[in-house]
Amino acid sequence: CGTDVAEAGDQGHLTRLRNRLVSVRCPACGYSTFLNKETYVVASFGGTMKERLRSGEYFTFHCPRCQERSFYAHPMLYHDPQKRFMLILNEEESHLDHEKDVICVQVHTGEAFIEHLRFLDDGLRPEQIMWVKTRLQRRYPQAEIIYDSLENDCLWFLIKEGGQAMPAGVPLYSIPY
């Protein structure tokens, strides 16, 4: 069961949301509950939704019983008509009709959703990020490599290996377009 809501952003733009109850269970103590979460978001200039998604805060559950923080995900569609992309988080493959010049990407985990939102929102295409990640993976074959941000014409990645995370910067001019 879901409800449609319209949330006014800081600058008066509307973010359309489709809410539904999502079941969440704490992996530490087993506490379970339902959270009212958005499943369809249209980007706007105002509000905090995009930053909560980009930071991972949106998919973080704080257990009221044991105070543990855990990560969860649920199906959702994020659409940014200005930047011309749609991002789908879904366990199963699905087809979504869209205009030819709109980038449409489907992912299956919350972590992948966050990473893809970051680079799509930064104006980068999936094939550009994969090109860089492939080269970084050659240098760090055992590491998990995650796109983080675009700052000062440099793409920043986190190289996670052996419980450690270190940043790696790649100049934007070295990325093929």
N, C-alpha and C. Protein backbone atom coordinates (compact mmCIF):
# COMPACT_ATOMS: atom_id res chain seq x y z
N CYS A 1 0.85 -1.17 0.00
CA CYS A 1 0.00 0.00 0.00
C CYS A 1 0.89 1.24 0.00
N GLY A 2 0.66 2.18 -0.84
CA GLY A 2 1.50 3.36 -0.92
C GLY A 2 0.69 4.62 -0.99
N THR A 3 1.33 5.72 -0.72
CA THR A 3 0.69 7.01 -0.82
C THR A 3 1.59 7.94 -1.61
N ASP A 4 0.97 8.83 -2.36
CA ASP A 4 1.73 9.84 -3.08
C ASP A 4 1.82 11.09 -2.22
N VAL A 5 2.99 11.67 -2.16
CA VAL A 5 3.18 12.90 -1.41
C VAL A 5 3.98 13.86 -2.28
N ALA A 6 3.80 15.13 -2.09
CA ALA A 6 4.64 16.13 -2.75
C ALA A 6 5.34 16.91 -1.66
N GLU A 7 6.64 16.97 -1.74
CA GLU A 7 7.44 17.67 -0.74
C GLU A 7 8.02 18.91 -1.39
N ALA A 8 7.78 20.07 -0.81
CA ALA A 8 8.32 21.31 -1.37
C ALA A 8 9.78 21.41 -1.01
N GLY A 9 10.62 21.64 -2.00
CA GLY A 9 12.04 21.81 -1.76
C GLY A 9 12.34 23.21 -1.24
N ASP A 10 13.58 23.43 -0.87
CA ASP A 10 14.00 24.71 -0.31
C ASP A 10 13.74 25.87 -1.26
N GLN A 11 13.77 25.62 -2.57
CA GLN A 11 13.59 26.69 -3.54
C GLN A 11 12.23 26.59 -4.23
N GLY A 12 11.30 25.85 -3.65
CA GLY A 12 9.96 25.79 -4.18
C GLY A 12 9.72 24.72 -5.22
N HIS A 13 10.76 23.98 -5.66
CA HIS A 13 10.57 22.91 -6.63
C HIS A 13 9.98 21.71 -5.90
N LEU A 14 9.17 20.94 -6.61
CA LEU A 14 8.54 19.78 -5.98
C LEU A 14 9.33 18.52 -6.25
N THR A 15 9.42 17.70 -5.23
CA THR A 15 9.98 16.37 -5.36
C THR A 15 8.80 15.42 -5.20
N ARG A 16 8.48 14.66 -6.19
CA ARG A 16 7.37 13.71 -6.10
C ARG A 16 7.88 12.42 -5.47
N LEU A 17 7.15 11.95 -4.50
CA LEU A 17 7.56 10.74 -3.78
C LEU A 17 6.42 9.73 -3.81
N ARG A 18 6.77 8.48 -3.87
CA ARG A 18 5.79 7.40 -3.75
C ARG A 18 6.23 6.61 -2.53
N ASN A 19 5.42 6.63 -1.48
CA ASN A 19 5.79 5.98 -0.22
C ASN A 19 5.20 4.58 -0.12
N ARG A 20 5.94 3.74 0.64
CA ARG A 20 5.41 2.42 0.98
C ARG A 20 6.10 1.94 2.25
N LEU A 21 5.46 1.03 2.95
CA LEU A 21 6.05 0.47 4.16
C LEU A 21 7.06 -0.60 3.77
N VAL A 22 8.26 -0.48 4.32
CA VAL A 22 9.34 -1.41 4.01
C VAL A 22 9.71 -2.13 5.30
N SER A 23 9.78 -3.45 5.25
CA SER A 23 10.15 -4.25 6.40
C SER A 23 11.67 -4.21 6.59
N VAL A 24 12.11 -3.95 7.84
CA VAL A 24 13.54 -3.90 8.15
C VAL A 24 13.78 -4.73 9.40
N ARG A 25 14.90 -5.44 9.41
CA ARG A 25 15.26 -6.29 10.55
C ARG A 25 16.71 -6.00 10.94
N CYS A 26 16.94 -5.78 12.22
CA CYS A 26 18.29 -5.52 12.71
C CYS A 26 19.09 -6.83 12.68
N PRO A 27 20.22 -6.85 11.98
CA PRO A 27 21.03 -8.07 11.93
C PRO A 27 21.72 -8.39 13.25
N ALA A 28 21.84 -7.41 14.13
CA ALA A 28 22.53 -7.63 15.41
C ALA A 28 21.63 -8.27 16.46
N CYS A 29 20.39 -7.75 16.62
CA CYS A 29 19.53 -8.24 17.71
C CYS A 29 18.23 -8.87 17.23
N GLY A 30 17.91 -8.75 15.94
CA GLY A 30 16.71 -9.36 15.40
C GLY A 30 15.46 -8.49 15.47
N TYR A 31 15.56 -7.31 16.04
CA TYR A 31 14.41 -6.40 16.12
C TYR A 31 13.92 -6.12 14.70
N SER A 32 12.59 -6.16 14.50
CA SER A 32 12.06 -5.86 13.17
C SER A 32 10.94 -4.83 13.29
N THR A 33 10.81 -4.06 12.21
CA THR A 33 9.81 -3.01 12.16
C THR A 33 9.53 -2.67 10.70
N PHE A 34 8.63 -1.73 10.50
CA PHE A 34 8.34 -1.22 9.17
C PHE A 34 8.68 0.26 9.14
N LEU A 35 9.28 0.69 8.03
CA LEU A 35 9.61 2.09 7.84
C LEU A 35 8.85 2.61 6.63
N ASN A 36 8.35 3.83 6.71
CA ASN A 36 7.68 4.47 5.60
C ASN A 36 8.76 5.10 4.72
N LYS A 37 9.00 4.51 3.54
CA LYS A 37 10.10 4.94 2.68
C LYS A 37 9.58 5.29 1.29
N GLU A 38 10.32 6.16 0.61
CA GLU A 38 9.98 6.57 -0.74
C GLU A 38 10.48 5.52 -1.74
N THR A 39 9.67 5.26 -2.76
CA THR A 39 10.08 4.31 -3.79
C THR A 39 10.23 4.97 -5.16
N TYR A 40 9.75 6.21 -5.29
CA TYR A 40 9.89 6.94 -6.54
C TYR A 40 10.24 8.38 -6.19
N VAL A 41 11.39 8.83 -6.67
CA VAL A 41 11.85 10.18 -6.37
C VAL A 41 12.22 10.88 -7.67
N VAL A 42 11.71 12.08 -7.83
CA VAL A 42 12.11 12.94 -8.95
C VAL A 42 12.98 14.02 -8.35
N ALA A 43 14.19 14.14 -8.86
CA ALA A 43 15.16 15.08 -8.31
C ALA A 43 14.65 16.51 -8.39
N SER A 44 15.03 17.31 -7.42
CA SER A 44 14.72 18.74 -7.43
C SER A 44 15.93 19.48 -6.89
N PHE A 45 15.91 20.79 -6.98
CA PHE A 45 17.01 21.58 -6.48
C PHE A 45 16.98 21.67 -4.95
N GLY A 46 15.82 21.58 -4.37
CA GLY A 46 15.68 21.75 -2.93
C GLY A 46 15.55 20.43 -2.20
N GLY A 47 15.41 20.50 -0.91
CA GLY A 47 15.24 19.31 -0.09
C GLY A 47 16.57 18.62 0.18
N THR A 48 16.49 17.55 0.96
CA THR A 48 17.70 16.84 1.38
C THR A 48 17.78 15.42 0.86
N MET A 49 16.77 14.98 0.10
CA MET A 49 16.72 13.58 -0.33
C MET A 49 17.96 13.16 -1.10
N LYS A 50 18.40 13.95 -2.08
CA LYS A 50 19.55 13.55 -2.89
C LYS A 50 20.80 13.38 -2.02
N GLU A 51 21.04 14.29 -1.11
CA GLU A 51 22.22 14.18 -0.25
C GLU A 51 22.12 13.00 0.69
N ARG A 52 20.93 12.71 1.19
CA ARG A 52 20.74 11.54 2.05
C ARG A 52 21.00 10.25 1.27
N LEU A 53 20.60 10.22 0.00
CA LEU A 53 20.87 9.06 -0.85
C LEU A 53 22.36 8.95 -1.16
N ARG A 54 22.96 10.06 -1.58
CA ARG A 54 24.39 10.05 -1.96
C ARG A 54 25.28 9.63 -0.79
N SER A 55 24.94 10.05 0.42
CA SER A 55 25.79 9.75 1.58
C SER A 55 25.56 8.34 2.13
N GLY A 56 24.47 7.70 1.74
CA GLY A 56 24.14 6.38 2.28
C GLY A 56 23.26 6.45 3.51
N GLU A 57 23.04 7.65 4.04
CA GLU A 57 22.20 7.82 5.23
C GLU A 57 20.79 7.29 5.01
N TYR A 58 20.27 7.48 3.80
CA TYR A 58 18.90 7.07 3.50
C TYR A 58 18.69 5.57 3.70
N PHE A 59 19.71 4.77 3.39
CA PHE A 59 19.61 3.31 3.50
C PHE A 59 20.19 2.78 4.82
N THR A 60 20.34 3.63 5.81
CA THR A 60 20.88 3.21 7.10
C THR A 60 19.76 3.11 8.13
N PHE A 61 19.68 1.97 8.79
CA PHE A 61 18.68 1.73 9.84
C PHE A 61 19.37 1.82 11.20
N HIS A 62 18.83 2.64 12.09
CA HIS A 62 19.34 2.77 13.46
C HIS A 62 18.39 2.01 14.37
N CYS A 63 18.83 0.87 14.88
CA CYS A 63 17.98 0.02 15.70
C CYS A 63 17.67 0.70 17.04
N PRO A 64 16.38 0.85 17.37
CA PRO A 64 16.04 1.48 18.65
C PRO A 64 16.31 0.57 19.85
N ARG A 65 16.43 -0.74 19.61
CA ARG A 65 16.66 -1.68 20.71
C ARG A 65 18.14 -1.75 21.10
N CYS A 66 19.02 -2.02 20.13
CA CYS A 66 20.44 -2.25 20.46
C CYS A 66 21.35 -1.11 20.00
N GLN A 67 20.77 -0.11 19.32
CA GLN A 67 21.51 1.08 18.84
C GLN A 67 22.48 0.78 17.70
N GLU A 68 22.48 -0.43 17.15
CA GLU A 68 23.35 -0.77 16.01
C GLU A 68 22.85 -0.07 14.75
N ARG A 69 23.79 0.24 13.89
CA ARG A 69 23.46 0.80 12.58
C ARG A 69 23.67 -0.30 11.55
N SER A 70 22.71 -0.44 10.64
CA SER A 70 22.86 -1.43 9.58
C SER A 70 22.37 -0.84 8.26
N PHE A 71 22.80 -1.45 7.19
CA PHE A 71 22.48 -0.99 5.86
C PHE A 71 21.42 -1.90 5.26
N TYR A 72 20.42 -1.34 4.62
CA TYR A 72 19.37 -2.11 3.95
C TYR A 72 19.03 -1.39 2.65
N ALA A 73 18.26 -2.03 1.81
CA ALA A 73 17.83 -1.40 0.56
C ALA A 73 16.43 -1.90 0.22
N HIS A 74 15.76 -1.16 -0.61
CA HIS A 74 14.43 -1.55 -1.08
C HIS A 74 14.27 -1.01 -2.51
N PRO A 75 13.34 -1.58 -3.27
CA PRO A 75 13.16 -1.12 -4.65
C PRO A 75 12.84 0.37 -4.72
N MET A 76 13.49 1.06 -5.64
CA MET A 76 13.18 2.47 -5.84
C MET A 76 13.62 2.93 -7.22
N LEU A 77 13.02 4.02 -7.66
CA LEU A 77 13.35 4.66 -8.92
C LEU A 77 13.70 6.11 -8.62
N TYR A 78 14.87 6.53 -9.09
CA TYR A 78 15.31 7.91 -8.95
C TYR A 78 15.39 8.48 -10.36
N HIS A 79 14.71 9.60 -10.59
CA HIS A 79 14.67 10.19 -11.92
C HIS A 79 15.12 11.65 -11.83
N ASP A 80 16.10 12.00 -12.64
CA ASP A 80 16.56 13.39 -12.72
C ASP A 80 16.34 13.86 -14.15
N PRO A 81 15.21 14.54 -14.40
CA PRO A 81 14.90 14.96 -15.78
C PRO A 81 15.87 16.02 -16.31
N GLN A 82 16.43 16.85 -15.45
CA GLN A 82 17.38 17.87 -15.92
C GLN A 82 18.69 17.25 -16.37
N LYS A 83 19.19 16.29 -15.61
CA LYS A 83 20.46 15.65 -15.96
C LYS A 83 20.26 14.45 -16.87
N ARG A 84 19.00 14.14 -17.18
CA ARG A 84 18.63 13.12 -18.15
C ARG A 84 19.08 11.72 -17.76
N PHE A 85 18.77 11.32 -16.52
CA PHE A 85 19.03 9.94 -16.14
C PHE A 85 17.96 9.40 -15.21
N MET A 86 17.82 8.07 -15.25
CA MET A 86 16.96 7.33 -14.33
C MET A 86 17.81 6.21 -13.74
N LEU A 87 17.64 6.00 -12.45
CA LEU A 87 18.38 4.96 -11.74
C LEU A 87 17.37 4.10 -11.01
N ILE A 88 17.44 2.79 -11.26
CA ILE A 88 16.49 1.85 -10.70
C ILE A 88 17.22 0.89 -9.76
N LEU A 89 16.68 0.73 -8.56
CA LEU A 89 17.18 -0.28 -7.62
C LEU A 89 16.10 -1.34 -7.53
N ASN A 90 16.44 -2.55 -7.96
CA ASN A 90 15.47 -3.64 -8.00
C ASN A 90 16.22 -4.96 -7.95
N GLU A 91 15.68 -5.94 -7.27
CA GLU A 91 16.33 -7.25 -7.18
C GLU A 91 16.32 -7.97 -8.52
N GLU A 92 15.26 -7.79 -9.29
CA GLU A 92 15.11 -8.50 -10.57
C GLU A 92 15.29 -7.53 -11.73
N GLU A 93 15.72 -8.05 -12.87
CA GLU A 93 15.82 -7.23 -14.07
C GLU A 93 14.42 -6.80 -14.49
N SER A 94 14.30 -5.56 -14.89
CA SER A 94 13.02 -5.07 -15.39
C SER A 94 13.30 -4.10 -16.52
N HIS A 95 12.31 -3.88 -17.34
CA HIS A 95 12.45 -2.96 -18.47
C HIS A 95 11.63 -1.72 -18.16
N LEU A 96 12.21 -0.57 -18.39
CA LEU A 96 11.53 0.70 -18.19
C LEU A 96 11.64 1.50 -19.48
N ASP A 97 10.50 1.83 -20.07
CA ASP A 97 10.52 2.65 -21.28
C ASP A 97 11.01 4.04 -20.93
N HIS A 98 11.88 4.57 -21.79
CA HIS A 98 12.40 5.91 -21.56
C HIS A 98 12.85 6.51 -22.89
N GLU A 99 13.05 7.81 -22.88
CA GLU A 99 13.49 8.50 -24.09
C GLU A 99 14.91 8.08 -24.43
N LYS A 100 15.25 8.12 -25.74
CA LYS A 100 16.57 7.65 -26.19
C LYS A 100 17.74 8.40 -25.56
N ASP A 101 17.59 9.69 -25.31
CA ASP A 101 18.71 10.46 -24.77
C ASP A 101 18.76 10.46 -23.23
N VAL A 102 17.95 9.62 -22.61
CA VAL A 102 17.96 9.49 -21.15
C VAL A 102 18.76 8.24 -20.79
N ILE A 103 19.75 8.40 -19.91
CA ILE A 103 20.52 7.25 -19.44
C ILE A 103 19.67 6.52 -18.41
N CYS A 104 19.46 5.23 -18.61
CA CYS A 104 18.67 4.43 -17.69
C CYS A 104 19.54 3.27 -17.20
N VAL A 105 19.78 3.23 -15.89
CA VAL A 105 20.66 2.23 -15.31
C VAL A 105 19.90 1.48 -14.22
N GLN A 106 20.05 0.17 -14.22
CA GLN A 106 19.43 -0.65 -13.18
C GLN A 106 20.51 -1.33 -12.37
N VAL A 107 20.39 -1.26 -11.04
CA VAL A 107 21.33 -1.91 -10.12
C VAL A 107 20.55 -2.79 -9.16
N HIS A 108 21.28 -3.65 -8.44
CA HIS A 108 20.61 -4.63 -7.59
C HIS A 108 20.95 -4.54 -6.11
N THR A 109 21.81 -3.61 -5.72
CA THR A 109 22.15 -3.44 -4.30
C THR A 109 22.11 -1.96 -3.93
N GLY A 110 21.91 -1.70 -2.66
CA GLY A 110 21.92 -0.33 -2.19
C GLY A 110 23.27 0.34 -2.40
N GLU A 111 24.35 -0.40 -2.21
CA GLU A 111 25.69 0.15 -2.41
C GLU A 111 25.89 0.58 -3.86
N ALA A 112 25.45 -0.26 -4.79
CA ALA A 112 25.57 0.08 -6.22
C ALA A 112 24.69 1.28 -6.56
N PHE A 113 23.52 1.37 -5.94
CA PHE A 113 22.63 2.51 -6.17
C PHE A 113 23.32 3.81 -5.76
N ILE A 114 23.92 3.82 -4.59
CA ILE A 114 24.61 5.02 -4.09
C ILE A 114 25.75 5.41 -5.02
N GLU A 115 26.58 4.43 -5.40
CA GLU A 115 27.72 4.73 -6.28
C GLU A 115 27.24 5.27 -7.63
N HIS A 116 26.24 4.64 -8.23
CA HIS A 116 25.74 5.09 -9.53
C HIS A 116 25.09 6.47 -9.42
N LEU A 117 24.36 6.72 -8.35
CA LEU A 117 23.76 8.04 -8.17
C LEU A 117 24.85 9.11 -8.11
N ARG A 118 25.93 8.81 -7.41
CA ARG A 118 27.02 9.79 -7.29
C ARG A 118 27.59 10.16 -8.66
N PHE A 119 27.95 9.16 -9.47
CA PHE A 119 28.59 9.52 -10.74
C PHE A 119 27.60 10.02 -11.78
N LEU A 120 26.38 9.50 -11.80
CA LEU A 120 25.39 10.04 -12.74
C LEU A 120 25.05 11.49 -12.39
N ASP A 121 24.91 11.76 -11.12
CA ASP A 121 24.62 13.12 -10.67
C ASP A 121 25.80 14.06 -10.98
N ASP A 122 27.01 13.53 -11.00
CA ASP A 122 28.19 14.32 -11.33
C ASP A 122 28.38 14.48 -12.85
N GLY A 123 27.44 13.93 -13.64
CA GLY A 123 27.50 14.10 -15.09
C GLY A 123 28.36 13.07 -15.81
N LEU A 124 28.67 11.97 -15.16
CA LEU A 124 29.52 10.93 -15.76
C LEU A 124 28.67 9.75 -16.20
N ARG A 125 29.17 9.03 -17.19
CA ARG A 125 28.46 7.86 -17.71
C ARG A 125 29.05 6.57 -17.11
N PRO A 126 28.24 5.53 -17.01
CA PRO A 126 28.73 4.26 -16.44
C PRO A 126 29.98 3.72 -17.13
N GLU A 127 30.05 3.83 -18.47
CA GLU A 127 31.22 3.29 -19.18
C GLU A 127 32.49 4.05 -18.84
N GLN A 128 32.39 5.34 -18.53
CA GLN A 128 33.57 6.10 -18.12
C GLN A 128 34.08 5.61 -16.77
N ILE A 129 33.17 5.39 -15.84
CA ILE A 129 33.56 4.92 -14.50
C ILE A 129 34.13 3.51 -14.59
N MET A 130 33.53 2.65 -15.39
CA MET A 130 34.04 1.29 -15.54
C MET A 130 35.43 1.29 -16.16
N TRP A 131 35.70 2.19 -17.08
CA TRP A 131 37.02 2.32 -17.70
C TRP A 131 38.07 2.62 -16.62
N VAL A 132 37.76 3.56 -15.73
CA VAL A 132 38.70 3.92 -14.66
C VAL A 132 38.83 2.77 -13.66
N LYS A 133 37.71 2.20 -13.27
CA LYS A 133 37.75 1.12 -12.27
C LYS A 133 38.54 -0.08 -12.78
N THR A 134 38.43 -0.39 -14.06
CA THR A 134 39.20 -1.50 -14.64
C THR A 134 40.70 -1.23 -14.50
N ARG A 135 41.12 -0.02 -14.77
CA ARG A 135 42.54 0.31 -14.64
C ARG A 135 43.01 0.33 -13.18
N LEU A 136 42.16 0.84 -12.29
CA LEU A 136 42.52 0.81 -10.87
C LEU A 136 42.56 -0.62 -10.33
N GLN A 137 41.67 -1.47 -10.84
CA GLN A 137 41.64 -2.87 -10.39
C GLN A 137 42.93 -3.60 -10.78
N ARG A 138 43.53 -3.24 -11.88
CA ARG A 138 44.81 -3.83 -12.26
C ARG A 138 45.89 -3.49 -11.25
N ARG A 139 45.82 -2.28 -10.72
CA ARG A 139 46.82 -1.82 -9.75
C ARG A 139 46.53 -2.39 -8.35
N TYR A 140 45.24 -2.56 -8.03
CA TYR A 140 44.81 -3.07 -6.72
C TYR A 140 43.89 -4.28 -6.94
N PRO A 141 44.46 -5.43 -7.32
CA PRO A 141 43.63 -6.57 -7.73
C PRO A 141 42.73 -7.15 -6.63
N GLN A 142 43.09 -7.00 -5.37
CA GLN A 142 42.28 -7.55 -4.29
C GLN A 142 41.29 -6.55 -3.70
N ALA A 143 41.31 -5.32 -4.18
CA ALA A 143 40.53 -4.25 -3.57
C ALA A 143 39.14 -4.10 -4.17
N GLU A 144 38.25 -3.55 -3.36
CA GLU A 144 36.95 -3.10 -3.84
C GLU A 144 37.13 -1.62 -4.18
N ILE A 145 36.72 -1.21 -5.36
CA ILE A 145 36.93 0.16 -5.81
C ILE A 145 35.57 0.82 -6.01
N ILE A 146 35.37 1.95 -5.33
CA ILE A 146 34.08 2.61 -5.32
C ILE A 146 34.24 4.08 -5.71
N TYR A 147 33.43 4.52 -6.67
CA TYR A 147 33.43 5.93 -7.04
C TYR A 147 32.89 6.74 -5.87
N ASP A 148 33.55 7.87 -5.57
CA ASP A 148 33.12 8.72 -4.45
C ASP A 148 32.61 10.08 -4.91
N SER A 149 33.43 10.80 -5.69
CA SER A 149 33.01 12.16 -6.04
C SER A 149 33.87 12.74 -7.17
N LEU A 150 33.40 13.87 -7.67
CA LEU A 150 34.14 14.67 -8.65
C LEU A 150 34.42 16.01 -7.99
N GLU A 151 35.69 16.30 -7.77
CA GLU A 151 36.08 17.56 -7.14
C GLU A 151 37.31 18.13 -7.84
N ASN A 152 37.26 19.41 -8.17
CA ASN A 152 38.39 20.10 -8.79
C ASN A 152 38.93 19.36 -10.01
N ASP A 153 38.04 18.93 -10.90
CA ASP A 153 38.40 18.22 -12.12
C ASP A 153 39.16 16.92 -11.86
N CYS A 154 38.85 16.28 -10.74
CA CYS A 154 39.48 15.01 -10.38
C CYS A 154 38.39 14.05 -9.90
N LEU A 155 38.40 12.83 -10.45
CA LEU A 155 37.48 11.78 -9.98
C LEU A 155 38.11 11.12 -8.77
N TRP A 156 37.34 11.00 -7.70
CA TRP A 156 37.85 10.37 -6.48
C TRP A 156 37.19 9.02 -6.27
N PHE A 157 38.02 8.03 -5.98
CA PHE A 157 37.57 6.68 -5.71
C PHE A 157 38.06 6.26 -4.33
N LEU A 158 37.33 5.35 -3.70
CA LEU A 158 37.81 4.74 -2.46
C LEU A 158 38.32 3.35 -2.81
N ILE A 159 39.54 3.06 -2.39
CA ILE A 159 40.14 1.75 -2.60
C ILE A 159 40.05 1.04 -1.24
N LYS A 160 39.17 0.03 -1.15
CA LYS A 160 38.96 -0.69 0.10
C LYS A 160 39.64 -2.05 0.02
N GLU A 161 40.58 -2.26 0.97
CA GLU A 161 41.33 -3.51 0.97
C GLU A 161 41.82 -3.79 2.39
N GLY A 162 41.59 -5.02 2.85
CA GLY A 162 42.09 -5.43 4.16
C GLY A 162 41.58 -4.57 5.31
N GLY A 163 40.33 -4.17 5.27
CA GLY A 163 39.76 -3.36 6.33
C GLY A 163 40.17 -1.89 6.30
N GLN A 164 40.95 -1.51 5.32
CA GLN A 164 41.40 -0.12 5.17
C GLN A 164 40.75 0.49 3.93
N ALA A 165 40.60 1.81 3.94
CA ALA A 165 40.11 2.53 2.76
C ALA A 165 41.02 3.72 2.52
N MET A 166 41.45 3.86 1.27
CA MET A 166 42.28 5.01 0.94
C MET A 166 41.72 5.67 -0.32
N PRO A 167 41.85 6.99 -0.41
CA PRO A 167 41.36 7.68 -1.60
C PRO A 167 42.36 7.58 -2.75
N ALA A 168 41.82 7.59 -3.97
CA ALA A 168 42.65 7.63 -5.17
C ALA A 168 42.01 8.62 -6.13
N GLY A 169 42.81 9.57 -6.60
CA GLY A 169 42.30 10.58 -7.52
C GLY A 169 42.76 10.31 -8.94
N VAL A 170 41.86 10.51 -9.88
CA VAL A 170 42.17 10.34 -11.31
C VAL A 170 41.75 11.63 -12.01
N PRO A 171 42.68 12.29 -12.71
CA PRO A 171 42.33 13.55 -13.39
C PRO A 171 41.23 13.33 -14.43
N LEU A 172 40.27 14.23 -14.44
CA LEU A 172 39.15 14.14 -15.36
C LEU A 172 39.59 14.15 -16.81
N TYR A 173 40.66 14.89 -17.14
CA TYR A 173 41.12 14.97 -18.53
C TYR A 173 41.64 13.64 -19.05
N SER A 174 41.97 12.69 -18.16
CA SER A 174 42.49 11.39 -18.61
C SER A 174 41.39 10.38 -18.94
N ILE A 175 40.13 10.76 -18.72
CA ILE A 175 38.99 9.86 -18.93
C ILE A 175 38.47 10.06 -20.36
N PRO A 176 38.33 8.98 -21.14
CA PRO A 176 37.78 9.13 -22.49
C PRO A 176 36.29 9.49 -22.44
N TYR A 177 35.90 10.34 -23.36
CA TYR A 177 34.48 10.73 -23.42
C TYR A 177 33.85 10.04 -24.52
